[in-house]
Amino acid sequence: MDPDLPVFHGLIVYRHLRHRFSLLYPEGWPQQHLDERDGGGVAFSPNPDEPATYMLVQSHRLRVRVRPDDLDTLHEGFLDGLRQLPGVEIESEAAHAVDPLIDLQARHTYRDGDATRKRWIRVLYQDRVQISLIAQGASVAAFDYWLPMFNMIMRTVQFADWWAEATGTSWRRSLGDSGRRRGGRGENLAPPADQTKDEGRRTEP
């Protein structure tokens, strides 16, 4: 086992029932739900002694529907936002549109007081939902160390339900849910409009 790489012990499914996306994150990473005044969302931290290293997941329902031909405008705004960070140096960036998905990404460093932080930001749009993921290392070295786990989280986010792999149906509120509407059509049970509770389920890496 390479002592220079973090160790996977298992994966947990994170689901957002209202915005209907899910991802996998490492077992043992505690969640912290953020105040809506700070943008809301949830932060996963691999090391409680290093709070500036984290994975932040936020999502919002937009007022207008996003379409693939919005790519250039969104990409320009994305880069403009990054350039507002103090001492930012963008190492790489990319923008893709595959109907109905828009995917924006960048890796960069920036100054936070006397520290140099490193981030990987990914922003996804589909229809009226925006998902933002920020993987941050308290330092460049911390980012590089946790990159294998950051990469796993980034690559497993999807506008679909990971629980469906085990249950055969999507967006059950719990594993005990029958997943049927009252109308008996056998469709997935949709959460109420104000449903924001997220659930986790362990899986193996």
Protein backbone atom coordinates (compact mmCIF):
# COMPACT_ATOMS: atom_id res chain seq x y z
CA MET A 1 0.00 0.00 0.00
CA ASP A 2 1.36 3.40 -0.99
CA PRO A 3 1.68 5.56 2.17
CA ASP A 4 1.57 8.66 -0.04
CA LEU A 5 -2.02 7.94 -1.14
CA PRO A 6 -5.24 8.13 0.91
CA VAL A 7 -6.96 4.82 1.70
CA PHE A 8 -10.51 4.00 0.60
CA HIS A 9 -12.59 2.13 3.21
CA GLY A 10 -15.90 2.29 1.39
CA LEU A 11 -18.20 4.71 -0.42
CA ILE A 12 -21.41 6.41 0.67
CA VAL A 13 -24.21 7.52 -1.65
CA TYR A 14 -25.16 11.19 -1.30
CA ARG A 15 -28.56 12.01 -2.81
CA HIS A 16 -30.34 15.31 -3.26
CA LEU A 17 -33.99 14.39 -3.60
CA ARG A 18 -35.27 17.81 -4.56
CA HIS A 19 -32.75 18.50 -7.34
CA ARG A 20 -32.41 14.84 -8.27
CA PHE A 21 -28.70 14.24 -8.42
CA SER A 22 -26.41 11.90 -6.53
CA LEU A 23 -22.73 11.10 -6.08
CA LEU A 24 -20.40 8.84 -4.13
CA TYR A 25 -18.10 10.08 -1.37
CA PRO A 26 -15.61 8.29 0.91
CA GLU A 27 -16.85 6.63 4.06
CA GLY A 28 -15.58 8.44 7.14
CA TRP A 29 -15.84 11.93 5.66
CA PRO A 30 -18.29 13.79 7.94
CA GLN A 31 -20.89 16.10 6.44
CA GLN A 32 -21.48 19.69 7.44
CA HIS A 33 -24.64 21.37 6.14
CA LEU A 34 -24.04 25.04 5.40
CA ASP A 35 -26.35 27.92 6.20
CA GLU A 36 -28.41 29.20 3.28
CA ARG A 37 -26.93 32.64 3.89
CA ASP A 38 -23.56 31.13 2.92
CA GLY A 39 -24.97 29.53 -0.22
CA GLY A 40 -26.24 26.35 1.42
CA GLY A 41 -25.09 22.91 0.40
CA VAL A 42 -22.98 20.36 2.21
CA ALA A 43 -19.24 20.10 2.83
CA PHE A 44 -17.39 16.81 3.21
CA SER A 45 -14.09 17.01 5.09
CA PRO A 46 -11.43 14.28 5.07
CA ASN A 47 -9.47 15.75 7.99
CA PRO A 48 -11.16 17.65 10.84
CA ASP A 49 -7.79 19.12 11.80
CA GLU A 50 -7.53 20.77 8.39
CA PRO A 51 -10.89 22.49 7.74
CA ALA A 52 -9.58 24.33 4.66
CA THR A 53 -9.44 20.95 2.86
CA TYR A 54 -12.93 19.89 1.79
CA MET A 55 -15.36 18.95 -0.94
CA LEU A 56 -18.26 21.41 -1.17
CA VAL A 57 -21.46 20.43 -3.00
CA GLN A 58 -24.11 23.06 -3.71
CA SER A 59 -27.15 23.06 -5.97
CA HIS A 60 -29.79 25.55 -7.01
CA ARG A 61 -32.95 25.58 -9.05
CA LEU A 62 -32.71 28.33 -11.65
CA ARG A 63 -35.50 30.60 -12.82
CA VAL A 64 -34.80 29.87 -16.48
CA ARG A 65 -34.02 26.69 -18.37
CA VAL A 66 -30.40 26.29 -19.48
CA ARG A 67 -29.77 25.07 -23.00
CA PRO A 68 -26.57 23.87 -24.73
CA ASP A 69 -26.37 27.06 -26.77
CA ASP A 70 -25.88 28.96 -23.48
CA LEU A 71 -22.42 27.39 -23.17
CA ASP A 72 -20.35 30.37 -24.30
CA THR A 73 -22.16 32.83 -22.04
CA LEU A 74 -21.93 30.54 -19.00
CA HIS A 75 -18.28 29.74 -19.71
CA GLU A 76 -17.38 33.43 -19.89
CA GLY A 77 -19.19 34.15 -16.63
CA PHE A 78 -17.53 31.15 -14.97
CA LEU A 79 -14.03 32.38 -15.86
CA ASP A 80 -14.86 35.97 -14.92
CA GLY A 81 -15.90 34.74 -11.48
CA LEU A 82 -12.65 32.83 -10.98
CA ARG A 83 -10.60 35.86 -11.94
CA GLN A 84 -12.09 37.78 -9.00
CA LEU A 85 -10.25 35.56 -6.52
CA PRO A 86 -7.09 37.10 -4.99
CA GLY A 87 -3.87 35.97 -6.65
CA VAL A 88 -5.68 33.42 -8.82
CA GLU A 89 -3.70 31.32 -11.29
CA ILE A 90 -5.84 29.13 -13.55
CA GLU A 91 -3.92 25.96 -14.39
CA SER A 92 -6.53 24.40 -16.68
CA GLU A 93 -10.14 24.87 -17.68
CA ALA A 94 -12.68 23.25 -19.97
CA ALA A 95 -16.26 23.70 -21.11
CA HIS A 96 -18.48 21.13 -22.83
CA ALA A 97 -22.11 20.84 -23.83
CA VAL A 98 -23.75 17.51 -24.58
CA ASP A 99 -27.50 18.04 -24.75
CA PRO A 100 -29.02 18.49 -22.21
CA LEU A 101 -25.88 18.84 -20.04
CA ILE A 102 -23.41 21.72 -19.73
CA ASP A 103 -20.15 20.96 -17.90
CA LEU A 104 -17.66 23.65 -16.81
CA GLN A 105 -14.42 22.83 -15.01
CA ALA A 106 -11.25 24.55 -13.83
CA ARG A 107 -8.26 23.88 -11.61
CA HIS A 108 -6.57 26.87 -10.03
CA THR A 109 -4.69 28.25 -7.06
CA TYR A 110 -5.51 31.43 -5.16
CA ARG A 111 -4.33 33.36 -2.14
CA ASP A 112 -6.21 33.13 1.16
CA GLY A 113 -4.34 35.44 3.50
CA ASP A 114 -0.81 34.03 3.74
CA ALA A 115 -1.86 30.61 2.38
CA THR A 116 -2.02 29.35 -1.18
CA ARG A 117 -5.06 27.12 -1.69
CA LYS A 118 -5.70 24.86 -4.66
CA ARG A 119 -9.13 24.06 -6.08
CA TRP A 120 -10.86 21.98 -8.69
CA ILE A 121 -14.25 23.47 -9.54
CA ARG A 122 -16.90 21.72 -11.59
CA VAL A 123 -20.27 23.30 -12.44
CA LEU A 124 -23.01 21.28 -14.12
CA TYR A 125 -26.24 22.55 -15.62
CA GLN A 126 -29.20 20.50 -16.73
CA ASP A 127 -32.56 22.08 -17.49
CA ARG A 128 -33.21 24.37 -14.47
CA VAL A 129 -30.76 22.77 -12.02
CA GLN A 130 -27.19 23.90 -11.35
CA ILE A 131 -24.74 21.75 -9.37
CA SER A 132 -21.46 23.23 -8.13
CA LEU A 133 -18.65 21.09 -6.74
CA ILE A 134 -15.51 22.59 -5.21
CA ALA A 135 -12.64 20.32 -4.20
CA GLN A 136 -10.16 22.36 -2.18
CA GLY A 137 -6.82 21.58 -0.64
CA ALA A 138 -5.58 23.77 2.21
CA SER A 139 -2.31 23.78 0.28
CA VAL A 140 -1.12 22.54 -3.09
CA ALA A 141 0.39 19.49 -1.33
CA ALA A 142 -2.90 18.74 0.46
CA PHE A 143 -4.81 18.99 -2.81
CA ASP A 144 -2.41 16.60 -4.54
CA TYR A 145 -2.64 14.12 -1.65
CA TRP A 146 -6.46 14.01 -1.65
CA LEU A 147 -6.81 14.20 -5.44
CA PRO A 148 -7.63 10.48 -5.91
CA MET A 149 -10.67 10.87 -3.63
CA PHE A 150 -11.61 14.25 -5.06
CA ASN A 151 -11.47 12.66 -8.50
CA MET A 152 -13.79 9.83 -7.44
CA ILE A 153 -16.40 12.28 -6.13
CA MET A 154 -16.16 14.50 -9.19
CA ARG A 155 -16.50 11.59 -11.60
CA THR A 156 -19.48 9.95 -9.88
CA VAL A 157 -21.81 12.96 -9.71
CA GLN A 158 -24.81 12.40 -11.97
CA PHE A 159 -28.34 13.63 -12.62
CA ALA A 160 -29.53 10.17 -11.66
CA ASP A 161 -29.95 8.07 -8.53
CA TRP A 162 -27.08 5.81 -7.45
CA TRP A 163 -29.57 3.93 -5.26
CA ALA A 164 -31.25 2.68 -8.43
CA GLU A 165 -28.23 0.41 -8.93
CA ALA A 166 -29.44 -1.61 -5.92
CA THR A 167 -33.19 -0.95 -5.84
CA GLY A 168 -34.10 -0.95 -9.53
CA THR A 169 -36.09 2.27 -9.12
CA SER A 170 -35.02 5.89 -8.74
CA TRP A 171 -35.58 8.49 -6.05
CA ARG A 172 -37.12 6.40 -3.32
CA ARG A 173 -37.17 8.35 -0.10
CA SER A 174 -35.78 5.34 1.73
CA LEU A 175 -34.94 1.72 0.98
CA GLY A 176 -38.28 0.71 2.51
CA ASP A 177 -40.25 2.93 0.13
CA SER A 178 -42.33 1.04 -2.43
CA GLY A 179 -41.53 3.69 -5.03
CA ARG A 180 -45.11 3.87 -6.32
CA ARG A 181 -47.47 6.78 -6.73
CA ARG A 182 -51.01 6.59 -5.48
CA GLY A 183 -52.20 6.35 -9.06
CA GLY A 184 -50.64 2.90 -9.30
CA ARG A 185 -48.58 3.70 -12.41
CA GLY A 186 -45.42 2.25 -10.85
CA GLU A 187 -43.47 5.49 -11.23
CA ASN A 188 -40.88 6.74 -8.78
CA LEU A 189 -42.23 8.57 -5.78
CA ALA A 190 -41.36 12.24 -6.19
CA PRO A 191 -40.52 14.28 -3.05
CA PRO A 192 -42.51 17.37 -2.12
CA ALA A 193 -41.32 20.65 -3.58
CA ASP A 194 -39.61 21.61 -0.32
CA GLN A 195 -37.93 18.25 0.17
CA THR A 196 -34.20 18.81 0.69
CA LYS A 197 -33.24 15.94 2.96
CA ASP A 198 -30.30 13.88 1.70
CA GLU A 199 -29.69 10.24 2.51
CA GLY A 200 -26.64 7.99 2.51
CA ARG A 201 -26.07 4.35 1.80
CA ARG A 202 -22.81 2.45 1.99
CA THR A 203 -21.34 0.72 -1.03
CA GLU A 204 -17.96 -0.81 -1.74
CA PRO A 205 -15.24 0.97 -3.72
